[in-house]
C-alpha atoms as a PDB file:
ATOM      1  CA  UNK A   1     -51.606 -29.450 221.519  1.00  0.00           C
ATOM      2  CA  UNK A   2     -53.224 -27.316 218.812  1.00  0.00           C
ATOM      3  CA  UNK A   3     -53.939 -28.557 215.324  1.00  0.00           C
ATOM      4  CA  UNK A   4     -50.927 -28.687 212.980  1.00  0.00           C
ATOM      5  CA  UNK A   5     -51.341 -26.273 210.114  1.00  0.00           C
ATOM      6  CA  UNK A   6     -49.413 -26.169 206.848  1.00  0.00           C
ATOM      7  CA  UNK A   7     -47.855 -22.828 207.755  1.00  0.00           C
ATOM      8  CA  UNK A   8     -46.294 -24.451 210.851  1.00  0.00           C
ATOM      9  CA  UNK A   9     -44.281 -26.952 208.809  1.00  0.00           C
ATOM     10  CA  UNK A  10     -40.584 -26.177 209.024  1.00  0.00           C
ATOM     11  CA  UNK A  11     -40.748 -24.544 212.440  1.00  0.00           C
ATOM     12  CA  UNK A  12     -39.419 -26.172 215.583  1.00  0.00           C
ATOM     13  CA  UNK A  13     -41.961 -27.856 217.852  1.00  0.00           C
ATOM     14  CA  UNK A  14     -41.071 -25.287 220.520  1.00  0.00           C
ATOM     15  CA  UNK A  15     -41.852 -22.392 218.149  1.00  0.00           C
ATOM     16  CA  UNK A  16     -45.190 -23.932 217.173  1.00  0.00           C
ATOM     17  CA  UNK A  17     -46.065 -24.649 220.817  1.00  0.00           C
ATOM     18  CA  UNK A  18     -45.122 -21.125 221.939  1.00  0.00           C
ATOM     19  CA  UNK A  19     -47.208 -19.634 219.121  1.00  0.00           C
ATOM     20  CA  UNK A  20     -50.132 -21.710 220.382  1.00  0.00           C
ATOM     21  CA  UNK A  21     -49.646 -20.290 223.864  1.00  0.00           C
ATOM     22  CA  UNK A  22     -49.659 -16.810 222.340  1.00  0.00           C
ATOM     23  CA  UNK A  23     -52.899 -17.538 220.511  1.00  0.00           C
ATOM     24  CA  UNK A  24     -54.476 -18.854 223.713  1.00  0.00           C
ATOM     25  CA  UNK A  25     -53.494 -15.694 225.604  1.00  0.00           C
ATOM     26  CA  UNK A  26     -54.340 -13.271 222.779  1.00  0.00           C
ATOM     27  CA  UNK A  27     -57.731 -12.257 224.157  1.00  0.00           C
ATOM     28  CA  UNK A  28     -58.397 -10.733 227.582  1.00  0.00           C
ATOM     29  CA  UNK A  29     -61.423 -12.997 228.062  1.00  0.00           C
ATOM     30  CA  UNK A  30     -59.221 -16.091 227.811  1.00  0.00           C
ATOM     31  CA  UNK A  31     -56.736 -14.627 230.274  1.00  0.00           C
ATOM     32  CA  UNK A  32     -59.635 -13.795 232.610  1.00  0.00           C
ATOM     33  CA  UNK A  33     -60.930 -17.371 232.338  1.00  0.00           C
ATOM     34  CA  UNK A  34     -57.494 -18.772 233.210  1.00  0.00           C
ATOM     35  CA  UNK A  35     -57.202 -16.434 236.195  1.00  0.00           C
ATOM     36  CA  UNK A  36     -60.705 -17.345 237.368  1.00  0.00           C
ATOM     37  CA  UNK A  37     -59.988 -21.077 237.159  1.00  0.00           C
ATOM     38  CA  UNK A  38     -56.588 -20.689 238.840  1.00  0.00           C
ATOM     39  CA  UNK A  39     -58.081 -18.695 241.710  1.00  0.00           C
ATOM     40  CA  UNK A  40     -60.912 -21.183 242.263  1.00  0.00           C
ATOM     41  CA  UNK A  41     -58.452 -24.098 242.483  1.00  0.00           C
ATOM     42  CA  UNK A  42     -61.264 -26.473 241.642  1.00  0.00           C
ATOM     43  CA  UNK A  43     -63.389 -27.374 238.658  1.00  0.00           C
ATOM     44  CA  UNK A  44     -66.019 -24.779 237.827  1.00  0.00           C
ATOM     45  CA  UNK A  45     -69.372 -25.954 236.516  1.00  0.00           C
ATOM     46  CA  UNK A  46     -71.496 -23.478 234.600  1.00  0.00           C
ATOM     47  CA  UNK A  47     -70.413 -20.484 236.680  1.00  0.00           C
ATOM     48  CA  UNK A  48     -67.785 -19.003 234.375  1.00  0.00           C
ATOM     49  CA  UNK A  49     -70.285 -16.996 232.352  1.00  0.00           C
ATOM     50  CA  UNK A  50     -71.618 -15.421 235.571  1.00  0.00           C
ATOM     51  CA  UNK A  51     -68.221 -13.824 236.216  1.00  0.00           C
ATOM     52  CA  UNK A  52     -67.591 -12.428 232.743  1.00  0.00           C
ATOM     53  CA  UNK A  53     -69.327  -9.671 230.756  1.00  0.00           C
ATOM     54  CA  UNK A  54     -69.844 -12.051 227.829  1.00  0.00           C
ATOM     55  CA  UNK A  55     -72.603 -14.213 226.394  1.00  0.00           C
ATOM     56  CA  UNK A  56     -72.551 -17.956 227.055  1.00  0.00           C
ATOM     57  CA  UNK A  57     -71.738 -18.696 223.401  1.00  0.00           C
ATOM     58  CA  UNK A  58     -68.762 -16.320 223.488  1.00  0.00           C
ATOM     59  CA  UNK A  59     -67.428 -17.866 226.693  1.00  0.00           C
ATOM     60  CA  UNK A  60     -67.796 -21.301 225.099  1.00  0.00           C
ATOM     61  CA  UNK A  61     -65.740 -20.190 222.093  1.00  0.00           C
ATOM     62  CA  UNK A  62     -62.968 -18.906 224.357  1.00  0.00           C
ATOM     63  CA  UNK A  63     -63.019 -22.118 226.397  1.00  0.00           C
ATOM     64  CA  UNK A  64     -62.674 -24.095 223.162  1.00  0.00           C
ATOM     65  CA  UNK A  65     -59.460 -22.214 222.302  1.00  0.00           C
ATOM     66  CA  UNK A  66     -58.082 -22.829 225.797  1.00  0.00           C
ATOM     67  CA  UNK A  67     -58.987 -26.531 225.568  1.00  0.00           C
ATOM     68  CA  UNK A  68     -57.336 -26.839 222.147  1.00  0.00           C
ATOM     69  CA  UNK A  69     -54.065 -25.592 223.646  1.00  0.00           C
ATOM     70  CA  UNK A  70     -54.506 -27.902 226.639  1.00  0.00           C
ATOM     71  CA  UNK A  71     -54.622 -25.123 229.214  1.00  0.00           C
ATOM     72  CA  UNK A  72     -58.137 -26.041 230.331  1.00  0.00           C
ATOM     73  CA  UNK A  73     -59.818 -29.423 230.700  1.00  0.00           C
ATOM     74  CA  UNK A  74     -63.541 -29.841 230.352  1.00  0.00           C
ATOM     75  CA  UNK A  75     -65.980 -32.559 231.341  1.00  0.00           C
ATOM     76  CA  UNK A  76     -69.715 -32.889 230.902  1.00  0.00           C
ATOM     77  CA  UNK A  77     -71.681 -33.205 234.146  1.00  0.00           C
ATOM     78  CA  UNK A  78     -75.271 -33.864 233.179  1.00  0.00           C
ATOM     79  CA  UNK A  79     -76.433 -30.781 231.329  1.00  0.00           C
ATOM     80  CA  UNK A  80     -73.514 -28.650 232.475  1.00  0.00           C
ATOM     81  CA  UNK A  81     -69.896 -28.540 231.457  1.00  0.00           C
ATOM     82  CA  UNK A  82     -67.232 -28.369 234.132  1.00  0.00           C
ATOM     83  CA  UNK A  83     -63.850 -26.799 233.497  1.00  0.00           C
ATOM     84  CA  UNK A  84     -60.602 -26.727 235.385  1.00  0.00           C
ATOM     85  CA  UNK A  85     -57.165 -25.387 234.655  1.00  0.00           C
ATOM     86  CA  UNK A  86     -54.484 -27.882 233.652  1.00  0.00           C
ATOM     87  CA  UNK A  87     -51.724 -26.748 236.006  1.00  0.00           C
ATOM     88  CA  UNK A  88     -49.070 -28.914 234.331  1.00  0.00           C
ATOM     89  CA  UNK A  89     -49.779 -27.362 230.918  1.00  0.00           C
ATOM     90  CA  UNK A  90     -49.782 -23.849 232.392  1.00  0.00           C
ATOM     91  CA  UNK A  91     -46.388 -24.581 233.984  1.00  0.00           C
ATOM     92  CA  UNK A  92     -45.131 -25.871 230.612  1.00  0.00           C
ATOM     93  CA  UNK A  93     -46.378 -22.667 228.999  1.00  0.00           C
ATOM     94  CA  UNK A  94     -44.584 -20.554 231.594  1.00  0.00           C
ATOM     95  CA  UNK A  95     -41.367 -22.521 231.021  1.00  0.00           C
ATOM     96  CA  UNK A  96     -41.568 -21.915 227.266  1.00  0.00           C
ATOM     97  CA  UNK A  97     -42.346 -18.222 227.693  1.00  0.00           C
ATOM     98  CA  UNK A  98     -39.566 -17.792 230.271  1.00  0.00           C
ATOM     99  CA  UNK A  99     -37.147 -19.479 227.867  1.00  0.00           C
ATOM    100  CA  UNK A 100     -38.196 -17.021 225.161  1.00  0.00           C
ATOM    101  CA  UNK A 101     -37.771 -14.120 227.566  1.00  0.00           C
ATOM    102  CA  UNK A 102     -34.294 -15.290 228.583  1.00  0.00           C
ATOM    103  CA  UNK A 103     -33.348 -15.564 224.916  1.00  0.00           C
ATOM    104  CA  UNK A 104     -34.522 -12.001 224.305  1.00  0.00           C
ATOM    105  CA  UNK A 105     -32.489 -10.743 227.265  1.00  0.00           C
ATOM    106  CA  UNK A 106     -29.333 -12.338 225.857  1.00  0.00           C
ATOM    107  CA  UNK A 107     -29.980 -10.794 222.442  1.00  0.00           C
ATOM    108  CA  UNK A 108     -30.525  -7.358 223.984  1.00  0.00           C
ATOM    109  CA  UNK A 109     -26.960  -7.404 225.302  1.00  0.00           C
ATOM    110  CA  UNK A 110     -25.714  -6.717 221.755  1.00  0.00           C
ATOM    111  CA  UNK A 111     -27.117  -3.193 221.873  1.00  0.00           C
ATOM    112  CA  UNK A 112     -29.845  -3.718 219.270  1.00  0.00           C
END
């Protein structure tokens, strides 16, 4: 769901998508946000920053990355923003990453 960049031209859609997942998971704060939203099992409004050792602006930047990859959905509720995990996109991410892992296991059988 991320923005197509020139350097992505020539790669398969799966490779580009998996790279986007990697980018989304590349910071512990983003992983912590995903875990927090998954554990709450409901939309969270303005409370995310209370559970993380980060400034509001930093949390907002991390949420933007997660939204760009489609892992988190956000809605404005008055003066607050509400966020929830997109379970379907997280499942799609897990499928892609599991496929990559299975491919690596097959390659490892060659003794490399």
